[in-house]
Amino acid sequence: MALRSIDFIERLTRHISPHYFNAIRHFWLLGSRVKKQYKEITDRVLESPPRVDKAPNWRERQTAFLGPDPLICTVCGKLMSFVSSHIPNPLWRVKKELRTYRFFLITCLTVPLLRLLYGNLAKYG
């Protein structure tokens, strides 16, 4: 049977579920009854994935790249331990600039407007 392309697309789009429609998959490959059987078959037929070695951690990478262990103190030779970190907050500078800019806008824009407004009111008062 030959189909026109429009008819084929029509029949194909009938199988697309609407947006937010939760399709429950009880049948065919995704059915819980046969999923285990298909998994056994695919495990036998397909090759197992290659074994991946564990990636080296930061200390091992730095030792391989630089030479000496970066966590051993160069003065006393003992293992250094992490105490704390200080991450500066750059927002204080931004807030300060915003306060300055806001003050600039208030003084530069509203004061002349108020002078203009009150100057005109004084004339007509």
PDB file of N, CA and C in Angstrom:
ATOM      1  N   MET A   1       0.843  -1.167   0.000  1.00  0.00           N
ATOM      2  CA  MET A   1       0.000   0.000   0.000  1.00  0.00           C
ATOM      3  C   MET A   1       0.897   1.242   0.000  1.00  0.00           C
ATOM      4  N   ALA A   2       0.661   2.111  -0.925  1.00  0.00           N
ATOM      5  CA  ALA A   2       1.443   3.339  -1.030  1.00  0.00           C
ATOM      6  C   ALA A   2       0.676   4.478  -0.366  1.00  0.00           C
ATOM      7  N   LEU A   3       1.387   5.237   0.446  1.00  0.00           N
ATOM      8  CA  LEU A   3       0.778   6.375   1.134  1.00  0.00           C
ATOM      9  C   LEU A   3       1.393   7.667   0.644  1.00  0.00           C
ATOM     10  N   ARG A   4       0.582   8.675   0.607  1.00  0.00           N
ATOM     11  CA  ARG A   4       1.133   9.992   0.347  1.00  0.00           C
ATOM     12  C   ARG A   4       1.876  10.446   1.591  1.00  0.00           C
ATOM     13  N   SER A   5       2.807  11.360   1.430  1.00  0.00           N
ATOM     14  CA  SER A   5       3.607  11.790   2.576  1.00  0.00           C
ATOM     15  C   SER A   5       2.754  12.459   3.653  1.00  0.00           C
ATOM     16  N   ILE A   6       1.733  13.193   3.245  1.00  0.00           N
ATOM     17  CA  ILE A   6       0.845  13.849   4.205  1.00  0.00           C
ATOM     18  C   ILE A   6       0.101  12.807   5.031  1.00  0.00           C
ATOM     19  N   ASP A   7      -0.384  11.751   4.387  1.00  0.00           N
ATOM     20  CA  ASP A   7      -1.099  10.704   5.114  1.00  0.00           C
ATOM     21  C   ASP A   7      -0.179   9.973   6.079  1.00  0.00           C
ATOM     22  N   PHE A   8       1.051   9.744   5.637  1.00  0.00           N
ATOM     23  CA  PHE A   8       2.017   9.087   6.516  1.00  0.00           C
ATOM     24  C   PHE A   8       2.293   9.924   7.757  1.00  0.00           C
ATOM     25  N   ILE A   9       2.514  11.230   7.571  1.00  0.00           N
ATOM     26  CA  ILE A   9       2.780  12.122   8.704  1.00  0.00           C
ATOM     27  C   ILE A   9       1.570  12.188   9.628  1.00  0.00           C
ATOM     28  N   GLU A  10       0.367  12.194   9.031  1.00  0.00           N
ATOM     29  CA  GLU A  10      -0.857  12.194   9.827  1.00  0.00           C
ATOM     30  C   GLU A  10      -0.935  10.964  10.724  1.00  0.00           C
ATOM     31  N   ARG A  11      -0.687   9.804  10.131  1.00  0.00           N
ATOM     32  CA  ARG A  11      -0.758   8.558  10.902  1.00  0.00           C
ATOM     33  C   ARG A  11       0.354   8.478  11.944  1.00  0.00           C
ATOM     34  N   LEU A  12       1.492   9.041  11.608  1.00  0.00           N
ATOM     35  CA  LEU A  12       2.601   9.033  12.548  1.00  0.00           C
ATOM     36  C   LEU A  12       2.334   9.951  13.737  1.00  0.00           C
ATOM     37  N   THR A  13       1.762  11.118  13.489  1.00  0.00           N
ATOM     38  CA  THR A  13       1.512  12.062  14.580  1.00  0.00           C
ATOM     39  C   THR A  13       0.388  11.612  15.502  1.00  0.00           C
ATOM     40  N   ARG A  14      -0.407  10.680  15.100  1.00  0.00           N
ATOM     41  CA  ARG A  14      -1.430  10.138  16.006  1.00  0.00           C
ATOM     42  C   ARG A  14      -0.802   9.432  17.206  1.00  0.00           C
ATOM     43  N   HIS A  15       0.420   8.960  17.038  1.00  0.00           N
ATOM     44  CA  HIS A  15       1.084   8.219  18.109  1.00  0.00           C
ATOM     45  C   HIS A  15       1.861   9.118  19.062  1.00  0.00           C
ATOM     46  N   ILE A  16       1.929  10.401  18.785  1.00  0.00           N
ATOM     47  CA  ILE A  16       2.622  11.325  19.668  1.00  0.00           C
ATOM     48  C   ILE A  16       1.655  11.762  20.753  1.00  0.00           C
ATOM     49  N   SER A  17       2.045  11.539  22.001  1.00  0.00           N
ATOM     50  CA  SER A  17       1.152  11.896  23.104  1.00  0.00           C
ATOM     51  C   SER A  17       1.177  13.399  23.324  1.00  0.00           C
ATOM     52  N   PRO A  18       0.089  13.947  23.847  1.00  0.00           N
ATOM     53  CA  PRO A  18       0.032  15.383  24.103  1.00  0.00           C
ATOM     54  C   PRO A  18       1.041  15.806  25.161  1.00  0.00           C
ATOM     55  N   HIS A  19       1.318  17.095  25.207  1.00  0.00           N
ATOM     56  CA  HIS A  19       2.253  17.642  26.181  1.00  0.00           C
ATOM     57  C   HIS A  19       1.705  17.403  27.588  1.00  0.00           C
ATOM     58  N   TYR A  20       2.548  17.077  28.529  1.00  0.00           N
ATOM     59  CA  TYR A  20       2.205  16.773  29.917  1.00  0.00           C
ATOM     60  C   TYR A  20       1.398  15.482  30.068  1.00  0.00           C
ATOM     61  N   PHE A  21       1.360  14.665  29.048  1.00  0.00           N
ATOM     62  CA  PHE A  21       0.645  13.397  29.150  1.00  0.00           C
ATOM     63  C   PHE A  21       1.615  12.341  29.660  1.00  0.00           C
ATOM     64  N   ASN A  22       1.277  11.728  30.771  1.00  0.00           N
ATOM     65  CA  ASN A  22       2.139  10.702  31.342  1.00  0.00           C
ATOM     66  C   ASN A  22       1.781   9.352  30.737  1.00  0.00           C
ATOM     67  N   ALA A  23       2.624   8.877  29.881  1.00  0.00           N
ATOM     68  CA  ALA A  23       2.388   7.588  29.249  1.00  0.00           C
ATOM     69  C   ALA A  23       2.865   6.480  30.175  1.00  0.00           C
ATOM     70  N   ILE A  24       2.006   5.528  30.422  1.00  0.00           N
ATOM     71  CA  ILE A  24       2.372   4.395  31.274  1.00  0.00           C
ATOM     72  C   ILE A  24       2.836   3.291  30.348  1.00  0.00           C
ATOM     73  N   ARG A  25       4.030   2.822  30.596  1.00  0.00           N
ATOM     74  CA  ARG A  25       4.632   1.856  29.685  1.00  0.00           C
ATOM     75  C   ARG A  25       4.544   0.463  30.291  1.00  0.00           C
ATOM     76  N   HIS A  26       3.470  -0.247  29.952  1.00  0.00           N
ATOM     77  CA  HIS A  26       3.272  -1.590  30.477  1.00  0.00           C
ATOM     78  C   HIS A  26       3.591  -2.673  29.452  1.00  0.00           C
ATOM     79  N   PHE A  27       3.763  -2.305  28.228  1.00  0.00           N
ATOM     80  CA  PHE A  27       3.826  -3.296  27.173  1.00  0.00           C
ATOM     81  C   PHE A  27       5.174  -3.295  26.477  1.00  0.00           C
ATOM     82  N   TRP A  28       5.400  -4.301  25.699  1.00  0.00           N
ATOM     83  CA  TRP A  28       6.538  -4.498  24.811  1.00  0.00           C
ATOM     84  C   TRP A  28       7.836  -4.524  25.582  1.00  0.00           C
ATOM     85  N   LEU A  29       8.882  -3.808  25.158  1.00  0.00           N
ATOM     86  CA  LEU A  29      10.181  -3.902  25.804  1.00  0.00           C
ATOM     87  C   LEU A  29      10.205  -3.295  27.200  1.00  0.00           C
ATOM     88  N   LEU A  30       9.365  -2.326  27.443  1.00  0.00           N
ATOM     89  CA  LEU A  30       9.394  -1.643  28.729  1.00  0.00           C
ATOM     90  C   LEU A  30       8.456  -2.273  29.754  1.00  0.00           C
ATOM     91  N   GLY A  31       7.763  -3.313  29.385  1.00  0.00           N
ATOM     92  CA  GLY A  31       6.890  -3.986  30.339  1.00  0.00           C
ATOM     93  C   GLY A  31       7.705  -4.700  31.405  1.00  0.00           C
ATOM     94  N   SER A  32       7.240  -4.626  32.633  1.00  0.00           N
ATOM     95  CA  SER A  32       8.016  -5.188  33.742  1.00  0.00           C
ATOM     96  C   SER A  32       8.124  -6.709  33.656  1.00  0.00           C
ATOM     97  N   ARG A  33       7.176  -7.363  32.998  1.00  0.00           N
ATOM     98  CA  ARG A  33       7.178  -8.809  32.924  1.00  0.00           C
ATOM     99  C   ARG A  33       8.302  -9.336  32.031  1.00  0.00           C
ATOM    100  N   VAL A  34       8.610  -8.608  30.958  1.00  0.00           N
ATOM    101  CA  VAL A  34       9.611  -9.096  30.012  1.00  0.00           C
ATOM    102  C   VAL A  34      10.931  -8.340  30.071  1.00  0.00           C
ATOM    103  N   LYS A  35      11.001  -7.314  30.910  1.00  0.00           N
ATOM    104  CA  LYS A  35      12.209  -6.495  30.962  1.00  0.00           C
ATOM    105  C   LYS A  35      13.423  -7.320  31.370  1.00  0.00           C
ATOM    106  N   LYS A  36      13.257  -8.194  32.343  1.00  0.00           N
ATOM    107  CA  LYS A  36      14.365  -9.012  32.823  1.00  0.00           C
ATOM    108  C   LYS A  36      14.832  -9.983  31.733  1.00  0.00           C
ATOM    109  N   GLN A  37      13.892 -10.558  31.011  1.00  0.00           N
ATOM    110  CA  GLN A  37      14.248 -11.494  29.942  1.00  0.00           C
ATOM    111  C   GLN A  37      15.031 -10.775  28.838  1.00  0.00           C
ATOM    112  N   TYR A  38      14.575  -9.604  28.430  1.00  0.00           N
ATOM    113  CA  TYR A  38      15.279  -8.857  27.389  1.00  0.00           C
ATOM    114  C   TYR A  38      16.650  -8.411  27.860  1.00  0.00           C
ATOM    115  N   LYS A  39      16.764  -8.078  29.139  1.00  0.00           N
ATOM    116  CA  LYS A  39      18.068  -7.684  29.672  1.00  0.00           C
ATOM    117  C   LYS A  39      19.054  -8.839  29.606  1.00  0.00           C
ATOM    118  N   GLU A  40      18.602 -10.029  29.950  1.00  0.00           N
ATOM    119  CA  GLU A  40      19.482 -11.201  29.866  1.00  0.00           C
ATOM    120  C   GLU A  40      19.936 -11.438  28.429  1.00  0.00           C
ATOM    121  N   ILE A  41      19.006 -11.296  27.488  1.00  0.00           N
ATOM    122  CA  ILE A  41      19.348 -11.516  26.073  1.00  0.00           C
ATOM    123  C   ILE A  41      20.347 -10.470  25.601  1.00  0.00           C
ATOM    124  N   THR A  42      20.100  -9.201  25.909  1.00  0.00           N
ATOM    125  CA  THR A  42      21.009  -8.156  25.451  1.00  0.00           C
ATOM    126  C   THR A  42      22.371  -8.265  26.125  1.00  0.00           C
ATOM    127  N   ASP A  43      22.401  -8.719  27.378  1.00  0.00           N
ATOM    128  CA  ASP A  43      23.693  -8.900  28.042  1.00  0.00           C
ATOM    129  C   ASP A  43      24.512 -10.002  27.375  1.00  0.00           C
ATOM    130  N   ARG A  44      23.841 -11.042  26.893  1.00  0.00           N
ATOM    131  CA  ARG A  44      24.551 -12.125  26.212  1.00  0.00           C
ATOM    132  C   ARG A  44      25.023 -11.695  24.829  1.00  0.00           C
ATOM    133  N   VAL A  45      24.184 -10.949  24.114  1.00  0.00           N
ATOM    134  CA  VAL A  45      24.490 -10.590  22.737  1.00  0.00           C
ATOM    135  C   VAL A  45      25.514  -9.444  22.661  1.00  0.00           C
ATOM    136  N   LEU A  46      25.311  -8.424  23.450  1.00  0.00           N
ATOM    137  CA  LEU A  46      26.183  -7.252  23.367  1.00  0.00           C
ATOM    138  C   LEU A  46      27.428  -7.454  24.216  1.00  0.00           C
ATOM    139  N   GLU A  47      28.488  -6.768  23.822  1.00  0.00           N
ATOM    140  CA  GLU A  47      29.728  -6.826  24.587  1.00  0.00           C
ATOM    141  C   GLU A  47      29.573  -6.006  25.866  1.00  0.00           C
ATOM    142  N   SER A  48      30.318  -6.383  26.867  1.00  0.00           N
ATOM    143  CA  SER A  48      30.284  -5.586  28.093  1.00  0.00           C
ATOM    144  C   SER A  48      31.088  -4.310  27.868  1.00  0.00           C
ATOM    145  N   PRO A  49      30.715  -3.223  28.533  1.00  0.00           N
ATOM    146  CA  PRO A  49      31.435  -1.962  28.327  1.00  0.00           C
ATOM    147  C   PRO A  49      32.869  -2.076  28.825  1.00  0.00           C
ATOM    148  N   PRO A  50      33.769  -1.313  28.236  1.00  0.00           N
ATOM    149  CA  PRO A  50      35.170  -1.389  28.667  1.00  0.00           C
ATOM    150  C   PRO A  50      35.314  -0.916  30.120  1.00  0.00           C
ATOM    151  N   ARG A  51      36.241  -1.521  30.805  1.00  0.00           N
ATOM    152  CA  ARG A  51      36.466  -1.161  32.198  1.00  0.00           C
ATOM    153  C   ARG A  51      37.247   0.151  32.262  1.00  0.00           C
ATOM    154  N   VAL A  52      36.775   1.054  33.091  1.00  0.00           N
ATOM    155  CA  VAL A  52      37.381   2.373  33.196  1.00  0.00           C
ATOM    156  C   VAL A  52      38.172   2.432  34.498  1.00  0.00           C
ATOM    157  N   ASP A  53      39.424   2.862  34.388  1.00  0.00           N
ATOM    158  CA  ASP A  53      40.257   2.991  35.574  1.00  0.00           C
ATOM    159  C   ASP A  53      39.815   4.197  36.401  1.00  0.00           C
ATOM    160  N   LYS A  54      40.090   4.134  37.687  1.00  0.00           N
ATOM    161  CA  LYS A  54      39.743   5.225  38.575  1.00  0.00           C
ATOM    162  C   LYS A  54      40.634   6.433  38.257  1.00  0.00           C
ATOM    163  N   ALA A  55      40.019   7.607  38.176  1.00  0.00           N
ATOM    164  CA  ALA A  55      40.760   8.824  37.852  1.00  0.00           C
ATOM    165  C   ALA A  55      41.590   9.253  39.058  1.00  0.00           C
ATOM    166  N   PRO A  56      42.796   9.753  38.825  1.00  0.00           N
ATOM    167  CA  PRO A  56      43.617  10.214  39.957  1.00  0.00           C
ATOM    168  C   PRO A  56      43.023  11.476  40.583  1.00  0.00           C
ATOM    169  N   ASN A  57      43.224  11.622  41.895  1.00  0.00           N
ATOM    170  CA  ASN A  57      42.704  12.804  42.571  1.00  0.00           C
ATOM    171  C   ASN A  57      43.635  13.989  42.369  1.00  0.00           C
ATOM    172  N   TRP A  58      43.295  15.125  42.963  1.00  0.00           N
ATOM    173  CA  TRP A  58      44.050  16.357  42.745  1.00  0.00           C
ATOM    174  C   TRP A  58      45.495  16.214  43.203  1.00  0.00           C
ATOM    175  N   ARG A  59      45.695  15.604  44.366  1.00  0.00           N
ATOM    176  CA  ARG A  59      47.043  15.461  44.917  1.00  0.00           C
ATOM    177  C   ARG A  59      47.931  14.617  44.007  1.00  0.00           C
ATOM    178  N   GLU A  60      47.381  13.521  43.492  1.00  0.00           N
ATOM    179  CA  GLU A  60      48.146  12.647  42.596  1.00  0.00           C
ATOM    180  C   GLU A  60      48.475  13.357  41.285  1.00  0.00           C
ATOM    181  N   ARG A  61      47.516  14.122  40.745  1.00  0.00           N
ATOM    182  CA  ARG A  61      47.769  14.848  39.492  1.00  0.00           C
ATOM    183  C   ARG A  61      48.835  15.911  39.674  1.00  0.00           C
ATOM    184  N   GLN A  62      48.767  16.654  40.788  1.00  0.00           N
ATOM    185  CA  GLN A  62      49.753  17.699  41.036  1.00  0.00           C
ATOM    186  C   GLN A  62      51.140  17.106  41.271  1.00  0.00           C
ATOM    187  N   THR A  63      51.204  15.974  41.967  1.00  0.00           N
ATOM    188  CA  THR A  63      52.489  15.330  42.200  1.00  0.00           C
ATOM    189  C   THR A  63      53.097  14.852  40.888  1.00  0.00           C
ATOM    190  N   ALA A  64      52.262  14.299  40.002  1.00  0.00           N
ATOM    191  CA  ALA A  64      52.763  13.832  38.710  1.00  0.00           C
ATOM    192  C   ALA A  64      53.214  15.004  37.837  1.00  0.00           C
ATOM    193  N   PHE A  65      52.533  16.150  37.935  1.00  0.00           N
ATOM    194  CA  PHE A  65      52.841  17.286  37.083  1.00  0.00           C
ATOM    195  C   PHE A  65      54.021  18.106  37.618  1.00  0.00           C
ATOM    196  N   LEU A  66      53.997  18.417  38.919  1.00  0.00           N
ATOM    197  CA  LEU A  66      55.015  19.291  39.495  1.00  0.00           C
ATOM    198  C   LEU A  66      56.211  18.557  40.070  1.00  0.00           C
ATOM    199  N   GLY A  67      56.003  17.325  40.514  1.00  0.00           N
ATOM    200  CA  GLY A  67      57.094  16.579  41.134  1.00  0.00           C
ATOM    201  C   GLY A  67      56.873  16.380  42.624  1.00  0.00           C
ATOM    202  N   PRO A  68      57.175  17.372  43.460  1.00  0.00           N
ATOM    203  CA  PRO A  68      56.990  17.181  44.902  1.00  0.00           C
ATOM    204  C   PRO A  68      55.510  17.207  45.281  1.00  0.00           C
ATOM    205  N   ASP A  69      55.202  16.544  46.389  1.00  0.00           N
ATOM    206  CA  ASP A  69      53.824  16.487  46.878  1.00  0.00           C
ATOM    207  C   ASP A  69      53.404  17.876  47.350  1.00  0.00           C
ATOM    208  N   PRO A  70      52.282  18.420  46.824  1.00  0.00           N
ATOM    209  CA  PRO A  70      51.890  19.781  47.192  1.00  0.00           C
ATOM    210  C   PRO A  70      51.352  19.895  48.616  1.00  0.00           C
ATOM    211  N   LEU A  71      50.985  18.792  49.247  1.00  0.00           N
ATOM    212  CA  LEU A  71      50.442  18.855  50.601  1.00  0.00           C
ATOM    213  C   LEU A  71      51.486  18.605  51.677  1.00  0.00           C
ATOM    214  N   ILE A  72      52.726  18.416  51.309  1.00  0.00           N
ATOM    215  CA  ILE A  72      53.812  18.260  52.279  1.00  0.00           C
ATOM    216  C   ILE A  72      54.497  19.614  52.440  1.00  0.00           C
ATOM    217  N   CYS A  73      54.625  20.073  53.681  1.00  0.00           N
ATOM    218  CA  CYS A  73      55.243  21.362  53.969  1.00  0.00           C
ATOM    219  C   CYS A  73      56.717  21.318  53.573  1.00  0.00           C
ATOM    220  N   THR A  74      57.172  22.346  52.876  1.00  0.00           N
ATOM    221  CA  THR A  74      58.570  22.383  52.426  1.00  0.00           C
ATOM    222  C   THR A  74      59.515  22.753  53.564  1.00  0.00           C
ATOM    223  N   VAL A  75      59.002  23.326  54.648  1.00  0.00           N
ATOM    224  CA  VAL A  75      59.849  23.734  55.771  1.00  0.00           C
ATOM    225  C   VAL A  75      60.048  22.583  56.752  1.00  0.00           C
ATOM    226  N   CYS A  76      58.912  22.031  57.265  1.00  0.00           N
ATOM    227  CA  CYS A  76      59.024  21.006  58.309  1.00  0.00           C
ATOM    228  C   CYS A  76      58.838  19.595  57.774  1.00  0.00           C
ATOM    229  N   GLY A  77      58.281  19.424  56.584  1.00  0.00           N
ATOM    230  CA  GLY A  77      58.111  18.100  55.992  1.00  0.00           C
ATOM    231  C   GLY A  77      56.879  17.352  56.472  1.00  0.00           C
ATOM    232  N   LYS A  78      55.983  18.016  57.221  1.00  0.00           N
ATOM    233  CA  LYS A  78      54.763  17.364  57.704  1.00  0.00           C
ATOM    234  C   LYS A  78      53.629  17.585  56.710  1.00  0.00           C
ATOM    235  N   LEU A  79      52.605  16.742  56.853  1.00  0.00           N
ATOM    236  CA  LEU A  79      51.427  16.844  55.994  1.00  0.00           C
ATOM    237  C   LEU A  79      50.592  18.047  56.417  1.00  0.00           C
ATOM    238  N   MET A  80      50.261  18.923  55.466  1.00  0.00           N
ATOM    239  CA  MET A  80      49.441  20.092  55.757  1.00  0.00           C
ATOM    240  C   MET A  80      47.973  19.685  55.776  1.00  0.00           C
ATOM    241  N   SER A  81      47.188  20.333  56.627  1.00  0.00           N
ATOM    242  CA  SER A  81      45.751  20.058  56.684  1.00  0.00           C
ATOM    243  C   SER A  81      44.987  21.335  56.364  1.00  0.00           C
ATOM    244  N   PHE A  82      43.811  21.163  55.816  1.00  0.00           N
ATOM    245  CA  PHE A  82      42.975  22.284  55.413  1.00  0.00           C
ATOM    246  C   PHE A  82      42.328  22.882  56.656  1.00  0.00           C
ATOM    247  N   VAL A  83      42.462  24.191  56.826  1.00  0.00           N
ATOM    248  CA  VAL A  83      41.890  24.863  57.983  1.00  0.00           C
ATOM    249  C   VAL A  83      40.632  25.619  57.574  1.00  0.00           C
ATOM    250  N   SER A  84      40.742  26.558  56.649  1.00  0.00           N
ATOM    251  CA  SER A  84      39.572  27.300  56.183  1.00  0.00           C
ATOM    252  C   SER A  84      39.938  28.018  54.885  1.00  0.00           C
ATOM    253  N   SER A  85      38.924  28.556  54.275  1.00  0.00           N
ATOM    254  CA  SER A  85      39.152  29.341  53.064  1.00  0.00           C
ATOM    255  C   SER A  85      38.402  30.649  53.186  1.00  0.00           C
ATOM    256  N   HIS A  86      38.950  31.672  52.597  1.00  0.00           N
ATOM    257  CA  HIS A  86      38.295  32.984  52.599  1.00  0.00           C
ATOM    258  C   HIS A  86      38.024  33.362  51.156  1.00  0.00           C
ATOM    259  N   ILE A  87      36.758  33.464  50.845  1.00  0.00           N
ATOM    260  CA  ILE A  87      36.369  33.888  49.504  1.00  0.00           C
ATOM    261  C   ILE A  87      35.822  35.303  49.638  1.00  0.00           C
ATOM    262  N   PRO A  88      36.539  36.289  49.119  1.00  0.00           N
ATOM    263  CA  PRO A  88      36.069  37.668  49.278  1.00  0.00           C
ATOM    264  C   PRO A  88      34.768  37.889  48.526  1.00  0.00           C
ATOM    265  N   ASN A  89      33.913  38.697  49.120  1.00  0.00           N
ATOM    266  CA  ASN A  89      32.623  39.001  48.520  1.00  0.00           C
ATOM    267  C   ASN A  89      32.736  40.312  47.749  1.00  0.00           C
ATOM    268  N   PRO A  90      32.662  40.267  46.424  1.00  0.00           N
ATOM    269  CA  PRO A  90      32.812  41.502  45.659  1.00  0.00           C
ATOM    270  C   PRO A  90      31.561  42.368  45.676  1.00  0.00           C
ATOM    271  N   LEU A  91      30.488  41.906  46.318  1.00  0.00           N
ATOM    272  CA  LEU A  91      29.246  42.675  46.285  1.00  0.00           C
ATOM    273  C   LEU A  91      29.327  43.966  47.096  1.00  0.00           C
ATOM    274  N   TRP A  92      30.212  44.020  48.086  1.00  0.00           N
ATOM    275  CA  TRP A  92      30.303  45.246  48.872  1.00  0.00           C
ATOM    276  C   TRP A  92      30.697  46.419  47.990  1.00  0.00           C
ATOM    277  N   ARG A  93      31.573  46.150  47.021  1.00  0.00           N
ATOM    278  CA  ARG A  93      32.013  47.211  46.115  1.00  0.00           C
ATOM    279  C   ARG A  93      30.862  47.646  45.201  1.00  0.00           C
ATOM    280  N   VAL A  94      30.091  46.672  44.736  1.00  0.00           N
ATOM    281  CA  VAL A  94      28.965  46.979  43.863  1.00  0.00           C
ATOM    282  C   VAL A  94      27.912  47.774  44.631  1.00  0.00           C
ATOM    283  N   LYS A  95      27.619  47.349  45.873  1.00  0.00           N
ATOM    284  CA  LYS A  95      26.630  48.063  46.672  1.00  0.00           C
ATOM    285  C   LYS A  95      27.068  49.493  46.950  1.00  0.00           C
ATOM    286  N   LYS A  96      28.361  49.667  47.232  1.00  0.00           N
ATOM    287  CA  LYS A  96      28.873  51.010  47.495  1.00  0.00           C
ATOM    288  C   LYS A  96      28.711  51.890  46.258  1.00  0.00           C
ATOM    289  N   GLU A  97      29.033  51.345  45.093  1.00  0.00           N
ATOM    290  CA  GLU A  97      28.892  52.115  43.862  1.00  0.00           C
ATOM    291  C   GLU A  97      27.432  52.430  43.573  1.00  0.00           C
ATOM    292  N   LEU A  98      26.535  51.488  43.881  1.00  0.00           N
ATOM    293  CA  LEU A  98      25.116  51.749  43.658  1.00  0.00           C
ATOM    294  C   LEU A  98      24.616  52.850  44.586  1.00  0.00           C
ATOM    295  N   ARG A  99      25.067  52.815  45.856  1.00  0.00           N
ATOM    296  CA  ARG A  99      24.664  53.864  46.784  1.00  0.00           C
ATOM    297  C   ARG A  99      25.148  55.224  46.285  1.00  0.00           C
ATOM    298  N   THR A 100      26.396  55.278  45.821  1.00  0.00           N
ATOM    299  CA  THR A 100      26.945  56.529  45.306  1.00  0.00           C
ATOM    300  C   THR A 100      26.178  56.976  44.077  1.00  0.00           C
ATOM    301  N   TYR A 101      25.882  56.051  43.179  1.00  0.00           N
ATOM    302  CA  TYR A 101      25.163  56.377  41.962  1.00  0.00           C
ATOM    303  C   TYR A 101      23.742  56.823  42.284  1.00  0.00           C
ATOM    304  N   ARG A 102      23.099  56.135  43.253  1.00  0.00           N
ATOM    305  CA  ARG A 102      21.742  56.492  43.637  1.00  0.00           C
ATOM    306  C   ARG A 102      21.722  57.904  44.231  1.00  0.00           C
ATOM    307  N   PHE A 103      22.709  58.200  45.094  1.00  0.00           N
ATOM    308  CA  PHE A 103      22.808  59.541  45.669  1.00  0.00           C
ATOM    309  C   PHE A 103      23.030  60.582  44.576  1.00  0.00           C
ATOM    310  N   PHE A 104      23.865  60.234  43.613  1.00  0.00           N
ATOM    311  CA  PHE A 104      24.135  61.128  42.488  1.00  0.00           C
ATOM    312  C   PHE A 104      22.851  61.394  41.712  1.00  0.00           C
ATOM    313  N   LEU A 105      22.084  60.341  41.431  1.00  0.00           N
ATOM    314  CA  LEU A 105      20.847  60.519  40.683  1.00  0.00           C
ATOM    315  C   LEU A 105      19.854  61.368  41.456  1.00  0.00           C
ATOM    316  N   ILE A 106      19.750  61.126  42.761  1.00  0.00           N
ATOM    317  CA  ILE A 106      18.784  61.879  43.558  1.00  0.00           C
ATOM    318  C   ILE A 106      19.171  63.351  43.602  1.00  0.00           C
ATOM    319  N   THR A 107      20.426  63.626  43.860  1.00  0.00           N
ATOM    320  CA  THR A 107      20.835  65.028  43.986  1.00  0.00           C
ATOM    321  C   THR A 107      20.865  65.731  42.641  1.00  0.00           C
ATOM    322  N   CYS A 108      21.297  65.034  41.589  1.00  0.00           N
ATOM    323  CA  CYS A 108      21.461  65.704  40.297  1.00  0.00           C
ATOM    324  C   CYS A 108      20.153  65.850  39.527  1.00  0.00           C
ATOM    325  N   LEU A 109      19.217  64.961  39.758  1.00  0.00           N
ATOM    326  CA  LEU A 109      17.986  65.017  38.972  1.00  0.00           C
ATOM    327  C   LEU A 109      16.820  65.616  39.735  1.00  0.00           C
ATOM    328  N   THR A 110      16.668  65.249  41.009  1.00  0.00           N
ATOM    329  CA  THR A 110      15.486  65.713  41.716  1.00  0.00           C
ATOM    330  C   THR A 110      15.621  67.121  42.252  1.00  0.00           C
ATOM    331  N   VAL A 111      16.816  67.512  42.660  1.00  0.00           N
ATOM    332  CA  VAL A 111      16.978  68.865  43.197  1.00  0.00           C
ATOM    333  C   VAL A 111      16.658  69.921  42.146  1.00  0.00           C
ATOM    334  N   PRO A 112      17.183  69.818  40.926  1.00  0.00           N
ATOM    335  CA  PRO A 112      16.787  70.820  39.914  1.00  0.00           C
ATOM    336  C   PRO A 112      15.302  70.770  39.587  1.00  0.00           C
ATOM    337  N   LEU A 113      14.716  69.566  39.597  1.00  0.00           N
ATOM    338  CA  LEU A 113      13.281  69.470  39.330  1.00  0.00           C
ATOM    339  C   LEU A 113      12.484  70.131  40.447  1.00  0.00           C
ATOM    340  N   LEU A 114      12.910  69.914  41.694  1.00  0.00           N
ATOM    341  CA  LEU A 114      12.211  70.553  42.802  1.00  0.00           C
ATOM    342  C   LEU A 114      12.376  72.075  42.747  1.00  0.00           C
ATOM    343  N   ARG A 115      13.576  72.507  42.421  1.00  0.00           N
ATOM    344  CA  ARG A 115      13.789  73.955  42.296  1.00  0.00           C
ATOM    345  C   ARG A 115      12.897  74.537  41.203  1.00  0.00           C
ATOM    346  N   LEU A 116      12.823  73.810  40.091  1.00  0.00           N
ATOM    347  CA  LEU A 116      11.981  74.268  38.994  1.00  0.00           C
ATOM    348  C   LEU A 116      10.526  74.295  39.429  1.00  0.00           C
ATOM    349  N   LEU A 117      10.095  73.213  40.090  1.00  0.00           N
ATOM    350  CA  LEU A 117       8.706  73.114  40.517  1.00  0.00           C
ATOM    351  C   LEU A 117       8.379  74.178  41.560  1.00  0.00           C
ATOM    352  N   TYR A 118       9.198  74.302  42.594  1.00  0.00           N
ATOM    353  CA  TYR A 118       8.924  75.286  43.640  1.00  0.00           C
ATOM    354  C   TYR A 118       9.163  76.702  43.160  1.00  0.00           C
ATOM    355  N   GLY A 119      10.055  76.855  42.231  1.00  0.00           N
ATOM    356  CA  GLY A 119      10.257  78.190  41.667  1.00  0.00           C
ATOM    357  C   GLY A 119       9.026  78.639  40.917  1.00  0.00           C
ATOM    358  N   ASN A 120       8.422  77.715  40.145  1.00  0.00           N
ATOM    359  CA  ASN A 120       7.210  78.045  39.406  1.00  0.00           C
ATOM    360  C   ASN A 120       6.031  78.245  40.357  1.00  0.00           C
ATOM    361  N   LEU A 121       5.970  77.452  41.423  1.00  0.00           N
ATOM    362  CA  LEU A 121       4.880  77.614  42.377  1.00  0.00           C
ATOM    363  C   LEU A 121       4.980  78.943  43.117  1.00  0.00           C
ATOM    364  N   ALA A 122       6.219  79.346  43.382  1.00  0.00           N
ATOM    365  CA  ALA A 122       6.398  80.618  44.083  1.00  0.00           C
ATOM    366  C   ALA A 122       5.940  81.776  43.210  1.00  0.00           C
ATOM    367  N   LYS A 123       6.137  81.654  41.899  1.00  0.00           N
ATOM    368  CA  LYS A 123       5.715  82.721  40.999  1.00  0.00           C
ATOM    369  C   LYS A 123       4.180  82.841  40.977  1.00  0.00           C
ATOM    370  N   TYR A 124       3.520  81.636  40.973  1.00  0.00           N
ATOM    371  CA  TYR A 124       2.063  81.660  40.822  1.00  0.00           C
ATOM    372  C   TYR A 124       1.361  81.681  42.173  1.00  0.00           C
ATOM    373  N   GLY A 125       2.095  81.519  43.287  1.00  0.00           N
ATOM    374  CA  GLY A 125       1.493  81.393  44.618  1.00  0.00           C
ATOM    375  C   GLY A 125       0.863  82.623  45.046  1.00  0.00           C
TER     376      GLY A 125
END
